[in-house]
Protein backbone atom coordinates (compact mmCIF):
# COMPACT_ATOMS: atom_id res chain seq x y z
CA UNK A 1 -73.68 -13.92 10.59
CA UNK A 2 -69.76 -14.83 9.13
CA UNK A 3 -68.39 -13.74 12.36
CA UNK A 4 -71.24 -15.54 14.39
CA UNK A 5 -70.08 -18.45 12.47
CA UNK A 6 -66.26 -17.80 13.28
CA UNK A 7 -66.66 -17.72 16.92
CA UNK A 8 -68.67 -20.82 17.21
CA UNK A 9 -65.82 -22.41 15.27
CA UNK A 10 -63.33 -21.47 18.02
CA UNK A 11 -65.79 -22.14 20.43
CA UNK A 12 -66.39 -25.78 18.86
CA UNK A 13 -62.80 -26.56 18.41
CA UNK A 14 -61.92 -25.35 22.38
CA UNK A 15 -64.70 -28.20 23.49
CA UNK A 16 -62.63 -30.84 21.59
CA UNK A 17 -59.69 -29.93 22.29
CA UNK A 18 -60.61 -29.13 25.62
CA UNK A 19 -60.17 -32.73 27.57
CA UNK A 20 -56.58 -32.90 25.81
CA UNK A 21 -55.19 -29.67 27.06
CA UNK A 22 -55.98 -30.80 30.80
CA UNK A 23 -54.56 -33.82 30.22
CA UNK A 24 -51.46 -32.16 28.74
CA UNK A 25 -51.53 -30.06 31.90
CA UNK A 26 -51.85 -32.94 34.64
CA UNK A 27 -49.06 -35.54 33.52
CA UNK A 28 -46.94 -32.93 30.86
CA UNK A 29 -47.11 -33.62 27.45
CA UNK A 30 -44.87 -36.70 27.50
CA UNK A 31 -47.36 -39.21 26.43
CA UNK A 32 -46.89 -42.47 25.18
CA UNK A 33 -48.66 -43.78 22.63
CA UNK A 34 -48.80 -47.66 21.20
CA UNK A 35 -46.37 -50.09 22.81
CA UNK A 36 -45.01 -48.70 26.13
CA UNK A 37 -48.33 -46.73 26.78
CA UNK A 38 -48.03 -48.41 30.31
CA UNK A 39 -44.77 -49.18 30.24
CA UNK A 40 -42.15 -47.23 32.62
CA UNK A 41 -39.16 -45.60 30.70
CA UNK A 42 -35.79 -46.78 30.92
CA UNK A 43 -32.12 -45.04 29.54
CA UNK A 44 -30.41 -47.04 27.49
CA UNK A 45 -26.97 -46.68 25.91
CA UNK A 46 -26.75 -47.30 21.65
CA UNK A 47 -24.06 -46.73 19.73
CA UNK A 48 -22.44 -44.41 22.42
CA UNK A 49 -25.77 -42.40 22.48
CA UNK A 50 -28.18 -42.60 25.35
CA UNK A 51 -32.16 -42.07 25.23
CA UNK A 52 -34.98 -42.87 26.99
CA UNK A 53 -37.37 -45.74 25.88
CA UNK A 54 -40.20 -47.65 27.50
CA UNK A 55 -39.41 -50.96 29.03
CA UNK A 56 -41.49 -52.80 27.11
CA UNK A 57 -40.15 -51.68 23.52
CA UNK A 58 -36.71 -52.32 24.85
CA UNK A 59 -36.67 -55.75 26.58
CA UNK A 60 -38.47 -57.15 23.16
CA UNK A 61 -35.49 -55.58 21.13
CA UNK A 62 -33.20 -57.20 23.50
CA UNK A 63 -35.49 -60.71 23.47
CA UNK A 64 -35.33 -60.55 19.48
CA UNK A 65 -31.30 -59.56 19.38
CA UNK A 66 -30.65 -62.46 21.95
CA UNK A 67 -32.82 -65.17 20.59
CA UNK A 68 -34.04 -67.28 17.27
CA UNK A 69 -37.77 -66.13 16.68
CA UNK A 70 -38.31 -69.31 14.90
CA UNK A 71 -38.21 -71.18 18.52
CA UNK A 72 -41.02 -72.67 20.00
CA UNK A 73 -43.31 -70.24 22.14
CA UNK A 74 -42.23 -72.12 25.58
CA UNK A 75 -38.69 -71.79 24.97
CA UNK A 76 -39.09 -68.08 23.38
CA UNK A 77 -40.98 -67.08 27.05
CA UNK A 78 -38.37 -68.58 29.01
CA UNK A 79 -35.87 -66.21 27.22
CA UNK A 80 -38.37 -63.42 28.47
CA UNK A 81 -38.11 -63.95 31.59
CA UNK A 82 -34.04 -64.49 32.00
CA UNK A 83 -34.36 -61.02 30.43
CA UNK A 84 -36.43 -59.58 32.50
CA UNK A 85 -34.73 -60.60 36.01
CA UNK A 86 -31.51 -59.24 34.50
CA UNK A 87 -32.80 -55.79 33.45
CA UNK A 88 -34.37 -55.91 36.90
CA UNK A 89 -31.48 -56.96 38.49
CA UNK A 90 -29.42 -54.14 37.42
CA UNK A 91 -32.03 -51.72 38.07
CA UNK A 92 -32.37 -52.64 42.14
CA UNK A 93 -28.59 -52.97 42.02
CA UNK A 94 -27.62 -49.64 40.47
CA UNK A 95 -30.34 -47.61 40.96
CA UNK A 96 -33.57 -46.85 38.51
CA UNK A 97 -31.26 -44.12 36.98
CA UNK A 98 -29.04 -46.54 35.10
CA UNK A 99 -28.00 -46.44 31.77
CA UNK A 100 -28.88 -50.21 30.26
CA UNK A 101 -26.07 -51.14 27.89
CA UNK A 102 -27.23 -54.03 26.60
CA UNK A 103 -27.65 -54.31 22.81
CA UNK A 104 -31.36 -54.43 20.92
CA UNK A 105 -32.60 -54.90 17.95
CA UNK A 106 -34.84 -51.98 16.73
CA UNK A 107 -38.29 -52.65 14.80
CA UNK A 108 -35.86 -51.59 11.42
CA UNK A 109 -33.08 -54.19 12.30
CA UNK A 110 -36.02 -56.79 13.34
CA UNK A 111 -37.34 -56.36 9.65
CA UNK A 112 -34.03 -56.48 8.12
CA UNK A 113 -32.90 -59.44 9.87
CA UNK A 114 -36.17 -61.29 9.56
CA UNK A 115 -37.41 -60.05 6.17
CA UNK A 116 -40.51 -57.73 5.30
CA UNK A 117 -42.86 -60.64 4.66
CA UNK A 118 -41.73 -62.49 8.40
CA UNK A 119 -41.21 -59.37 9.99
CA UNK A 120 -45.06 -58.70 11.33
CA UNK A 121 -45.79 -62.73 12.53
CA UNK A 122 -41.93 -62.74 14.60
CA UNK A 123 -42.19 -59.20 16.37
CA UNK A 124 -45.76 -60.43 17.08
CA UNK A 125 -44.96 -63.65 18.52
CA UNK A 126 -41.57 -61.76 20.64
CA UNK A 127 -44.09 -59.45 21.82
CA UNK A 128 -46.88 -61.92 23.09
CA UNK A 129 -43.89 -63.67 25.24
CA UNK A 130 -42.71 -60.72 27.17
CA UNK A 131 -46.38 -59.90 27.59
CA UNK A 132 -47.74 -63.53 28.47
CA UNK A 133 -44.75 -63.22 31.52
CA UNK A 134 -45.69 -60.34 32.53
CA UNK A 135 -44.01 -59.54 35.75
CA UNK A 136 -42.44 -62.86 36.25
CA UNK A 137 -39.01 -63.19 37.51
CA UNK A 138 -36.82 -66.11 38.61
CA UNK A 139 -36.00 -65.17 42.62
CA UNK A 140 -33.56 -67.04 45.31
CA UNK A 141 -33.79 -66.40 48.56
CA UNK A 142 -36.09 -63.44 48.29
CA UNK A 143 -33.61 -61.64 46.02
CA UNK A 144 -33.56 -62.03 42.00
CA UNK A 145 -31.37 -64.69 40.57
CA UNK A 146 -28.46 -64.00 38.36
CA UNK A 147 -29.85 -65.34 34.84
CA UNK A 148 -27.06 -66.11 31.81
CA UNK A 149 -27.70 -67.95 29.21
CA UNK A 150 -25.70 -69.35 25.90
CA UNK A 151 -26.62 -70.94 22.70
CA UNK A 152 -25.80 -74.05 23.02
CA UNK A 153 -23.48 -76.35 25.32
CA UNK A 154 -20.91 -78.48 24.95
CA UNK A 155 -23.23 -81.16 26.91
CA UNK A 156 -22.77 -80.04 30.24
CA UNK A 157 -24.20 -76.62 31.75
CA UNK A 158 -21.59 -75.07 34.24
CA UNK A 159 -21.64 -74.45 37.77
CA UNK A 160 -21.44 -70.84 39.53
CA UNK A 161 -19.12 -72.19 41.69
CA UNK A 162 -16.31 -72.79 39.35
CA UNK A 163 -17.26 -69.76 37.53
CA UNK A 164 -16.84 -67.40 39.42
CA UNK A 165 -15.28 -69.19 42.71
CA UNK A 166 -17.81 -68.26 45.63
CA UNK A 167 -20.86 -70.36 46.96
CA UNK A 168 -23.31 -67.23 45.79
CA UNK A 169 -25.08 -69.23 43.33
CA UNK A 170 -26.44 -72.48 44.19
CA UNK A 171 -28.99 -72.54 41.45
CA UNK A 172 -26.19 -72.36 38.77
CA UNK A 173 -25.23 -76.34 38.56
CA UNK A 174 -24.00 -78.87 35.95
CA UNK A 175 -26.80 -79.96 33.85
CA UNK A 176 -26.80 -82.42 31.36
CA UNK A 177 -27.70 -81.31 27.60
CA UNK A 178 -27.01 -84.64 25.59
CA UNK A 179 -29.05 -82.88 22.70
CA UNK A 180 -26.33 -80.25 22.47
CA UNK A 181 -23.77 -82.64 21.41
CA UNK A 182 -26.05 -83.48 18.63
CA UNK A 183 -26.96 -79.49 16.87
CA UNK A 184 -25.52 -79.05 13.95
CA UNK A 185 -23.40 -76.32 15.17
CA UNK A 186 -21.95 -78.47 17.95
CA UNK A 187 -18.27 -78.50 16.54
CA UNK A 188 -16.32 -75.94 15.08
CA UNK A 189 -12.84 -75.88 14.15
CA UNK A 190 -10.98 -72.76 13.60
CA UNK A 191 -6.67 -72.34 13.12
CA UNK A 192 -4.29 -69.92 15.54
CA UNK A 193 -1.23 -69.17 15.27
CA UNK A 194 1.75 -70.56 17.55
CA UNK A 195 2.59 -73.58 18.84
CA UNK A 196 3.82 -73.57 22.54
CA UNK A 197 0.36 -73.43 23.70
CA UNK A 198 -1.48 -75.76 25.66
CA UNK A 199 -4.75 -76.17 28.04
CA UNK A 200 -3.91 -76.97 32.01
CA UNK A 201 -7.15 -76.84 33.55
CA UNK A 202 -10.79 -77.46 32.88
CA UNK A 203 -13.68 -77.32 35.28
CA UNK A 204 -16.15 -80.17 35.69
CA UNK A 205 -17.91 -79.44 32.89
CA UNK A 206 -15.11 -79.53 30.91
CA UNK A 207 -15.10 -75.99 29.91
CA UNK A 208 -11.17 -74.84 29.57
CA UNK A 209 -10.59 -72.37 33.03
CA UNK A 210 -6.80 -71.98 32.29
CA UNK A 211 -4.40 -72.22 29.60
CA UNK A 212 -0.73 -71.69 29.12
CA UNK A 213 0.29 -69.55 26.01
CA UNK A 214 4.94 -69.73 26.60
CA UNK A 215 5.86 -68.19 29.73
CA UNK A 216 2.59 -66.78 30.27
CA UNK A 217 -1.05 -68.33 31.61
CA UNK A 218 -4.58 -66.55 30.96
CA UNK A 219 -7.67 -67.98 31.77
CA UNK A 220 -9.97 -69.83 29.11
CA UNK A 221 -12.25 -66.50 29.12
CA UNK A 222 -9.71 -64.62 27.99
CA UNK A 223 -8.22 -67.00 25.54
CA UNK A 224 -11.82 -67.74 23.83
CA UNK A 225 -11.59 -63.61 23.74
CA UNK A 226 -8.67 -63.10 22.49
CA UNK A 227 -8.90 -66.08 19.64
CA UNK A 228 -12.89 -65.31 18.89
CA UNK A 229 -13.62 -69.15 19.71
CA UNK A 230 -17.06 -70.23 20.01
CA UNK A 231 -17.15 -71.66 23.21
CA UNK A 232 -15.10 -71.68 26.14
CA UNK A 233 -14.87 -75.15 25.85
CA UNK A 234 -12.09 -76.18 23.47
CA UNK A 235 -9.19 -78.68 22.97
CA UNK A 236 -5.85 -77.15 21.26
CA UNK A 237 -3.80 -79.83 19.04
CA UNK A 238 -0.33 -78.41 17.31
CA UNK A 239 -0.58 -78.92 13.41
CA UNK A 240 2.06 -77.47 10.72
CA UNK A 241 3.45 -74.54 12.82
CA UNK A 242 -0.25 -73.83 13.72
CA UNK A 243 -2.59 -74.80 16.92
CA UNK A 244 -5.77 -76.31 15.79
CA UNK A 245 -8.94 -75.42 18.09
CA UNK A 246 -11.91 -77.78 18.45
CA UNK A 247 -14.31 -75.79 20.40
CA UNK A 248 -17.40 -77.56 21.93
CA UNK A 249 -20.88 -75.78 22.24
CA UNK A 250 -21.94 -71.97 21.49
CA UNK A 251 -21.32 -69.66 24.27
CA UNK A 252 -20.19 -69.53 28.26
CA UNK A 253 -22.25 -72.27 28.92
CA UNK A 254 -23.28 -70.77 32.11
CA UNK A 255 -26.99 -71.34 33.15
CA UNK A 256 -30.31 -71.86 29.69
CA UNK A 257 -28.75 -73.19 26.99
CA UNK A 258 -31.31 -72.28 24.73
CA UNK A 259 -31.03 -75.28 22.07
CA UNK A 260 -31.98 -77.47 25.01
CA UNK A 261 -34.65 -75.14 25.95
CA UNK A 262 -35.69 -75.72 22.52
CA UNK A 263 -35.69 -79.37 22.25
CA UNK A 264 -37.44 -79.43 26.14
CA UNK A 265 -40.52 -77.05 24.94
CA UNK A 266 -40.52 -79.55 21.78
CA UNK A 267 -41.41 -82.08 24.16
CA UNK A 268 -44.18 -80.29 25.73
CA UNK A 269 -42.21 -78.46 28.72
CA UNK A 270 -43.33 -75.26 30.14
CA UNK A 271 -41.37 -71.95 30.59
CA UNK A 272 -41.43 -72.66 33.93
CA UNK A 273 -40.81 -76.22 33.80
CA UNK A 274 -37.71 -75.01 31.55
CA UNK A 275 -36.56 -72.78 34.08
CA UNK A 276 -36.30 -75.09 36.98
CA UNK A 277 -34.09 -77.53 35.61
CA UNK A 278 -31.78 -75.28 34.62
CA UNK A 279 -32.05 -72.84 37.62
CA UNK A 280 -32.51 -75.31 40.38
CA UNK A 281 -33.83 -74.20 43.41
CA UNK A 282 -35.19 -70.52 42.43
CA UNK A 283 -39.14 -69.86 42.17
CA UNK A 284 -41.14 -67.90 39.47
CA UNK A 285 -42.04 -65.13 41.00
CA UNK A 286 -44.72 -62.58 39.84
CA UNK A 287 -43.25 -59.03 40.77
CA UNK A 288 -44.46 -55.64 40.80
CA UNK A 289 -42.63 -53.11 38.61
CA UNK A 290 -39.44 -52.05 40.06
CA UNK A 291 -39.05 -49.97 37.65
CA UNK A 292 -41.31 -46.84 38.38
CA UNK A 293 -43.12 -44.69 35.53
């Protein structure tokens, strides 16, 4: 009797596990669970280590790192579209085997930055922004658009033709963002060593394109990177054998200003309206996954 019960137990176990065994045989044992179960995988590089992870998990991590989770839903959705478009554009241009290097937050980092009490709510907000814009990208003349963004402009966004020196991005144009100059972080000052420095050229939006440092001339972005300035829009003023730098805005000033996007969302503007304003001439379209399963 004991032998019979043991054999019956084995048979029952086989019956229970048979569907799983068949699934593993057909699909392999790398089955996805939870987030990303229907999401294609991408290769990402982090801390000099490369790994594969679901696209959705990676993209939500980028979104969480790049925009304030307390912002309005439509502004976050606009940011999600820009991130998706950028990821797809990279994969389309470099191939599905490309390694994505843009920084992202893990779930643990989100909890550390937001706090345990706020983590679940804010994560869900980011996840919904990604899901509610599923498949949506910005297109221009049948191609994925270039979709830069920054935290805060100097009151105007920059023209792509002036930044890149080509006419390939006519949808990146100067846009007035008057509310940006009223932001708490609109102006920052810092001191740097040296005396013989001057801004010698700016673009039409007031961002520095050329700086003379003694006998050498450098670009505005190079100067900004060297001295870790908040913005590419700045002025230089000699002060007590140093240079006082006054920066306007935060970031490179190209594409969408997150601050103005937030103000537009507060006024009732939708994700689509925000994107149309900053990327005039592009179309918000839904496309099939560029990344294969």
